[in-house]
Each structure stands twice: as C-alpha cells, then as structure tokens.
Amino acid sequence: MRTEKTHSDPLLFDSEPPLDRERLYRGELPVFRGLPAMLGLVARARAMAEAAFAPHPPPLAQAAFEPEDFLARAAALRRSFIGDGEARAAFRAVIESLGLDPASTFADRLILRLQPSGDTHSGRRVRDLPPHRDTWGSNLMSQINLWGPVFPLDPGATMVIWPTLFARPVPNTSRDWDLERLREAPGRYPLLPVLRGPVPDDGRGARELPILIEPGDLLCFSGAHLHASRPNRTGTVRVSVDSRTVDLADHRAGRGAENVDGRAPRDGRDWFHRVSDGVALAEALTNPAGA
C-alpha cells in the first residue's frame, strides 16, 4: 500500500514506487526513501569520490587541496563517474525500481555534482547554481529530474526549490540563450539560461524550500520547477548525484508541465538516450519504426 507523508510544503511528500509522472507534471515533489537501488548508486558514488580525494573525506576536500588541484580532481571524478559502468548499471536499477520502463525512458548523463563552499575552489561546473528551470534549456516539458545526496546534507548547502513559482512566469534569459552557441563556444558561453534579477515575490514571499533528505533517498521533480543551489558557506563540499529523464510516449503525446516562460529557440533532445540500449531521443523521434 502506498503511504505518503507530507512535509512542510504540501507538494513535498514521502512516496513509494511506482512513480506517478502526471503528479510531477502538476508540480508535486515525491521523495522515495532508502531505495535499495539508490543506496547502491550512492555507495558507488561515495567510493569513487573517496578515491578521488584520498586520504581526505570528500566533504572536507577543499580544505585539504589547493584550488587548482581540487578542481582537477573534481573534473576527473566527474568524467570517470559519467562513464563508469557500475554507476550506470546502478542508475538503471534506480529507473526500474521507480517502475519506469527502460525501453521508453530516455536519460541524460548521470552527474556526480560537487558544490564547494565559497568561491575559492569554484569552477564552471563546480559551483553554486543560480535559480533556473531545466526546461529553459531543454525545451522538453516532459523532463523529470532525479536528485539525491551522496553524503549527509547540511541545511546551508543543499538544493532549494520555489514551489509556488512552478506555474508563474518569471523573467529569465532563455530567449537569448542558444544551445548551438553553447556547443560552439564551450567554456565561454553561459552554461544554462537563468533567472533574470531576484526571485520574484509571489505575494507569499516566494518561499524557498530547502531539500533535506538522506543519502539513499531520491527526490523526483519536474524540470519546470524553479530551483537552485543554496549558496554554500558551510566550509564543506556538498556531493550529490543527479540526472534527468524523458518518457518517449509522454513527449509524443504532449504530456508534461506547462511551459509558462521558456523561450529558447531549440530543444535538447539529443542529450537524452534510451536507458535500455543507448539510442538517442532525437533518433527515436525521427525514426518511429526504430523506437
């Protein structure tokens, strides 16, 4: 029997598989607690992070390494995790444990993300992320995000979401952001479209919801949610794992969150590959017979 425990925000609740994608498209935020498959993925991520920063615990790594060395180790760890067969197998097990079909689920790269404290050890992909909707960049409204911590979270270093702004347009840079320009000038072009200006007041203070879950827990949320890294000033490094998925049938049928303010000229369908065999979403959409 499904049991649901509601947290301080009514859209955030403890849930059990299978994942109900329609509820995510409405802005709800299910947390799956202690999934065995997620515990396996976290164990692999933790082992790789510990090896990368040995003999120092990864959350304390920036105090042990000079910025250049820290960033080099972080970049090597990110690359190795993306291509690690054991991590990818564990991620497929997570997909299956949620009740998602690997033959119709297309996933973006599996990312091991490090958020250092302050600015001294920050880099382009190792930093606080500003407020954004992932759908501003992907233009895929059926996109679902999966996120979980690898080490225990500090309230001062986690992800935050603004649930009350899910269906409200906010100023952003998506109209002026072009995926092709990013590909042509990696490292020199903005990595993602972002909120323009401060987070708007929705009349209720646009309450910021910090995500405080345990290693082995998994948060699923629509890519259309406005979210960001809480600026980390804790003195420790946050380590988390994340990816994004798109269901082929949902995308073809136009099921997904409402696009209230995304204006990017292209979509990121070629970011996503079928979990079962690696076929690109772009190919599956242009070749229905091969889907």
Protein backbone atom coordinates (compact mmCIF):
# COMPACT_ATOMS: atom_id res chain seq x y z
CA MET A 1 0.00 0.00 0.00
CA ARG A 2 1.30 3.48 -0.89
CA THR A 3 1.87 5.68 2.13
CA GLU A 4 2.50 9.38 1.83
CA LYS A 5 3.94 11.62 4.49
CA THR A 6 3.56 15.31 3.76
CA HIS A 7 6.36 17.67 4.80
CA SER A 8 6.36 21.40 5.50
CA ASP A 9 5.30 22.05 1.91
CA PRO A 10 2.19 20.14 0.79
CA LEU A 11 3.79 19.39 -2.59
CA LEU A 12 6.70 17.52 -0.93
CA PHE A 13 5.81 14.07 0.35
CA ASP A 14 7.29 10.65 1.06
CA SER A 15 6.16 8.16 -1.53
CA GLU A 16 6.65 4.59 -2.74
CA PRO A 17 7.07 3.24 -6.27
CA PRO A 18 5.77 3.33 -8.89
CA LEU A 19 6.49 6.94 -9.79
CA ASP A 20 3.41 8.83 -10.99
CA ARG A 21 4.74 11.17 -13.68
CA GLU A 22 1.45 13.04 -14.04
CA ARG A 23 1.74 14.26 -10.46
CA LEU A 24 5.21 15.61 -11.18
CA TYR A 25 3.87 17.45 -14.23
CA ARG A 26 1.49 19.19 -11.82
CA GLY A 27 4.40 20.30 -9.66
CA GLU A 28 4.35 17.70 -6.88
CA LEU A 29 7.62 16.61 -5.24
CA PRO A 30 7.77 12.94 -4.22
CA VAL A 31 10.68 11.63 -2.13
CA PHE A 32 11.49 7.92 -2.27
CA ARG A 33 13.19 6.97 0.99
CA GLY A 34 16.01 4.47 1.21
CA LEU A 35 15.51 2.83 -2.16
CA PRO A 36 17.85 -0.19 -2.30
CA ALA A 37 18.86 0.70 -5.86
CA MET A 38 19.57 4.29 -4.83
CA LEU A 39 21.63 3.08 -1.88
CA GLY A 40 23.69 1.06 -4.38
CA LEU A 41 24.21 4.10 -6.61
CA VAL A 42 25.20 6.25 -3.61
CA ALA A 43 27.66 3.59 -2.45
CA ARG A 44 29.36 3.60 -5.85
CA ALA A 45 29.44 7.40 -5.98
CA ARG A 46 30.84 7.61 -2.46
CA ALA A 47 33.58 5.06 -3.22
CA MET A 48 34.65 6.96 -6.34
CA ALA A 49 34.63 10.32 -4.55
CA GLU A 50 36.65 8.93 -1.65
CA ALA A 51 39.23 7.52 -4.06
CA ALA A 52 39.47 10.85 -5.91
CA PHE A 53 40.22 12.85 -2.77
CA ALA A 54 42.03 10.22 -0.69
CA PRO A 55 43.03 10.27 2.07
CA HIS A 56 40.63 13.12 2.85
CA PRO A 57 36.85 12.75 3.19
CA PRO A 58 35.22 14.38 0.13
CA PRO A 59 33.11 16.85 2.17
CA LEU A 60 36.37 18.19 3.65
CA ALA A 61 38.39 18.06 0.43
CA GLN A 62 38.59 21.75 -0.34
CA ALA A 63 40.35 22.42 2.95
CA ALA A 64 42.94 19.77 2.05
CA PHE A 65 43.76 20.76 -1.55
CA GLU A 66 44.75 23.95 -3.31
CA PRO A 67 42.07 25.22 -5.71
CA GLU A 68 43.81 24.04 -8.89
CA ASP A 69 44.34 20.54 -7.51
CA PHE A 70 40.81 20.35 -6.11
CA LEU A 71 39.24 21.38 -9.42
CA ALA A 72 41.42 18.96 -11.40
CA ARG A 73 40.41 16.09 -9.13
CA ALA A 74 36.74 17.15 -9.30
CA ALA A 75 36.82 17.28 -13.11
CA ALA A 76 38.47 13.86 -13.36
CA LEU A 77 35.91 12.43 -10.92
CA ARG A 78 33.01 13.88 -12.90
CA ARG A 79 34.31 12.39 -16.16
CA SER A 80 35.01 8.97 -14.67
CA PHE A 81 31.59 8.82 -12.99
CA ILE A 82 29.75 9.65 -16.24
CA GLY A 83 31.44 6.72 -17.95
CA ASP A 84 31.51 4.27 -15.06
CA GLY A 85 29.75 1.02 -15.92
CA GLU A 86 28.92 0.16 -12.33
CA ALA A 87 27.34 3.56 -11.72
CA ARG A 88 25.34 3.32 -14.94
CA ALA A 89 24.08 -0.15 -14.02
CA ALA A 90 23.07 1.15 -10.58
CA PHE A 91 21.24 4.06 -12.20
CA ARG A 92 19.33 1.69 -14.47
CA ALA A 93 18.32 -0.23 -11.35
CA VAL A 94 17.02 3.06 -9.89
CA ILE A 95 14.96 3.67 -13.03
CA GLU A 96 13.50 0.18 -12.86
CA SER A 97 12.81 0.42 -9.12
CA LEU A 98 10.68 3.52 -9.79
CA GLY A 99 8.54 1.46 -12.14
CA LEU A 100 9.84 3.24 -15.24
CA ASP A 101 10.32 1.23 -18.42
CA PRO A 102 13.98 1.32 -19.63
CA ALA A 103 12.68 0.80 -23.19
CA SER A 104 10.68 4.05 -23.14
CA THR A 105 12.74 6.09 -20.66
CA PHE A 106 15.47 8.32 -22.06
CA ALA A 107 18.07 9.69 -19.63
CA ASP A 108 20.61 12.48 -19.68
CA ARG A 109 24.13 11.88 -18.35
CA LEU A 110 24.49 10.71 -14.77
CA ILE A 111 26.25 13.53 -12.92
CA LEU A 112 28.24 13.45 -9.69
CA ARG A 113 27.99 17.08 -8.63
CA LEU A 114 30.29 18.89 -6.20
CA GLN A 115 29.35 22.22 -4.65
CA PRO A 116 32.29 23.72 -2.73
CA SER A 117 31.96 26.32 -0.02
CA GLY A 118 32.56 29.93 -1.03
CA ASP A 119 34.35 30.99 -4.19
CA THR A 120 37.99 29.95 -3.71
CA HIS A 121 37.52 26.41 -5.09
CA SER A 122 34.75 27.08 -7.61
CA GLY A 123 34.84 26.37 -11.33
CA ARG A 124 32.43 26.42 -14.26
CA ARG A 125 30.83 23.09 -13.31
CA VAL A 126 31.83 23.07 -9.64
CA ARG A 127 29.93 25.94 -8.07
CA ASP A 128 26.63 27.28 -6.77
CA LEU A 129 23.97 27.08 -9.49
CA PRO A 130 21.72 30.16 -9.78
CA PRO A 131 17.91 29.93 -9.94
CA HIS A 132 16.75 28.27 -13.17
CA ARG A 133 14.26 25.86 -14.69
CA ASP A 134 15.94 22.99 -16.52
CA THR A 135 13.25 23.24 -19.18
CA TRP A 136 14.52 26.70 -20.14
CA GLY A 137 17.49 24.90 -21.67
CA SER A 138 16.00 21.56 -22.74
CA ASN A 139 12.60 22.80 -24.02
CA LEU A 140 11.24 19.34 -23.12
CA MET A 141 8.27 19.78 -20.83
CA SER A 142 8.05 16.06 -20.03
CA GLN A 143 11.51 16.22 -18.44
CA ILE A 144 11.74 14.77 -14.93
CA ASN A 145 14.75 15.34 -12.66
CA LEU A 146 16.19 12.82 -10.20
CA TRP A 147 18.39 14.09 -7.35
CA GLY A 148 19.91 12.71 -4.16
CA PRO A 149 22.80 13.40 -1.78
CA VAL A 150 25.86 11.16 -1.53
CA PHE A 151 26.89 12.36 1.96
CA PRO A 152 24.63 13.83 4.67
CA LEU A 153 23.35 17.28 3.78
CA ASP A 154 23.98 20.48 5.70
CA PRO A 155 20.94 22.83 5.61
CA GLY A 156 23.31 25.54 4.41
CA ALA A 157 24.46 23.50 1.41
CA THR A 158 21.61 21.86 -0.42
CA MET A 159 19.26 22.38 -3.33
CA VAL A 160 16.28 24.70 -2.94
CA ILE A 161 13.03 24.84 -4.91
CA TRP A 162 10.38 27.57 -5.16
CA PRO A 163 7.16 25.50 -5.42
CA THR A 164 4.81 28.50 -5.56
CA LEU A 165 6.54 29.73 -8.73
CA PHE A 166 6.04 26.46 -10.61
CA ALA A 167 3.21 27.81 -12.77
CA ARG A 168 4.09 31.50 -12.61
CA PRO A 169 6.15 33.19 -15.36
CA VAL A 170 9.38 34.76 -14.15
CA PRO A 171 11.92 36.89 -16.04
CA ASN A 172 14.71 34.77 -17.49
CA THR A 173 17.40 34.62 -20.16
CA SER A 174 16.03 31.67 -22.17
CA ARG A 175 15.00 33.78 -25.18
CA ASP A 176 18.61 34.92 -25.64
CA TRP A 177 20.20 31.53 -24.90
CA ASP A 178 21.03 29.23 -27.80
CA LEU A 179 22.15 25.62 -27.39
CA GLU A 180 24.14 25.79 -30.63
CA ARG A 181 26.16 28.76 -29.36
CA LEU A 182 26.96 26.79 -26.20
CA ARG A 183 28.25 23.93 -28.34
CA GLU A 184 30.29 26.28 -30.49
CA ALA A 185 31.91 28.07 -27.55
CA PRO A 186 32.01 25.73 -24.52
CA GLY A 187 33.58 27.48 -21.59
CA ARG A 188 32.85 30.94 -22.99
CA TYR A 189 29.07 30.85 -23.36
CA PRO A 190 26.63 30.75 -20.41
CA LEU A 191 26.18 27.16 -19.28
CA LEU A 192 22.40 27.49 -18.86
CA PRO A 193 19.58 30.05 -19.02
CA VAL A 194 18.93 31.61 -15.62
CA LEU A 195 16.52 33.81 -13.72
CA ARG A 196 16.85 37.47 -14.64
CA GLY A 197 17.03 39.53 -11.47
CA PRO A 198 15.98 38.46 -7.97
CA VAL A 199 13.43 35.75 -7.23
CA PRO A 200 10.04 37.47 -7.63
CA ASP A 201 7.71 37.92 -4.68
CA ASP A 202 4.58 35.85 -5.28
CA GLY A 203 2.63 37.63 -2.56
CA ARG A 204 3.53 34.90 -0.09
CA GLY A 205 7.24 35.61 -0.02
CA ALA A 206 8.04 33.08 -2.80
CA ARG A 207 9.03 30.67 -0.06
CA GLU A 208 12.28 28.85 -0.67
CA LEU A 209 12.01 25.13 0.10
CA PRO A 210 15.34 23.51 1.08
CA ILE A 211 15.60 19.81 0.23
CA LEU A 212 16.83 17.92 3.30
CA ILE A 213 16.88 14.20 2.57
CA GLU A 214 19.30 11.40 3.45
CA PRO A 215 21.85 9.52 1.31
CA GLY A 216 19.86 6.77 -0.39
CA ASP A 217 16.76 8.94 -0.64
CA LEU A 218 15.68 10.19 -4.07
CA LEU A 219 13.78 13.37 -4.93
CA CYS A 220 11.92 13.41 -8.27
CA PHE A 221 10.67 16.71 -9.67
CA SER A 222 9.60 18.32 -12.91
CA GLY A 223 12.33 20.06 -14.88
CA ALA A 224 9.94 23.03 -14.93
CA HIS A 225 10.44 23.75 -11.22
CA LEU A 226 12.48 26.85 -10.42
CA HIS A 227 15.41 25.60 -8.35
CA ALA A 228 18.98 26.48 -7.40
CA SER A 229 21.86 25.65 -5.13
CA ARG A 230 21.60 27.32 -1.76
CA PRO A 231 24.83 29.39 -1.66
CA ASN A 232 27.26 27.19 0.24
CA ARG A 233 29.13 28.93 3.06
CA THR A 234 29.39 25.91 5.37
CA GLY A 235 33.10 25.17 4.91
CA THR A 236 32.27 21.73 3.47
CA VAL A 237 31.65 20.35 -0.02
CA ARG A 238 28.19 19.11 -0.95
CA VAL A 239 28.31 15.93 -3.05
CA SER A 240 25.16 14.81 -4.86
CA VAL A 241 24.11 12.72 -7.83
CA ASP A 242 21.55 13.73 -10.42
CA SER A 243 20.15 13.01 -13.84
CA ARG A 244 17.14 13.85 -15.98
CA THR A 245 14.69 11.62 -17.84
CA VAL A 246 12.08 11.92 -20.59
CA ASP A 247 9.40 9.32 -21.34
CA LEU A 248 9.00 8.84 -25.09
CA ALA A 249 5.23 8.28 -25.04
CA ASP A 250 4.67 11.33 -22.82
CA HIS A 251 6.75 13.52 -25.11
CA ARG A 252 4.97 12.32 -28.25
CA ALA A 253 1.56 12.85 -26.65
CA GLY A 254 2.44 16.33 -25.40
CA ARG A 255 2.16 15.30 -21.75
CA GLY A 256 4.25 17.34 -19.37
CA ALA A 257 4.38 20.52 -17.33
CA GLU A 258 3.01 23.72 -18.80
CA ASN A 259 5.62 25.94 -20.45
CA VAL A 260 4.90 29.24 -18.72
CA ASP A 261 8.02 31.20 -19.61
CA GLY A 262 10.59 29.16 -21.60
CA ARG A 263 11.59 30.79 -24.89
CA ALA A 264 14.80 29.07 -26.03
CA PRO A 265 14.89 28.52 -29.84
CA ARG A 266 15.97 24.84 -29.75
CA ASP A 267 15.48 21.75 -27.64
CA GLY A 268 17.95 19.35 -26.08
CA ARG A 269 16.50 16.07 -27.30
CA ASP A 270 19.96 14.78 -28.23
CA TRP A 271 21.02 15.00 -24.56
CA PHE A 272 18.81 12.02 -23.76
CA HIS A 273 19.49 8.36 -24.57
CA ARG A 274 17.27 5.32 -24.07
CA VAL A 275 18.15 3.51 -20.87
CA SER A 276 17.75 0.06 -22.44
CA ASP A 277 20.03 0.44 -25.46
CA GLY A 278 21.52 3.96 -25.66
CA VAL A 279 19.54 5.13 -28.71
CA ALA A 280 19.26 8.93 -28.76
CA LEU A 281 15.87 10.53 -28.22
CA ALA A 282 16.45 12.61 -31.36
CA GLU A 283 16.79 9.39 -33.38
CA ALA A 284 13.77 7.73 -31.79
CA LEU A 285 11.61 10.76 -32.61
CA THR A 286 12.67 10.87 -36.26
CA ASN A 287 12.53 7.12 -36.79
CA PRO A 288 9.34 5.81 -35.16
CA ALA A 289 9.83 2.37 -36.68
CA GLY A 290 13.08 2.00 -34.76
CA ALA A 291 11.58 3.18 -31.50
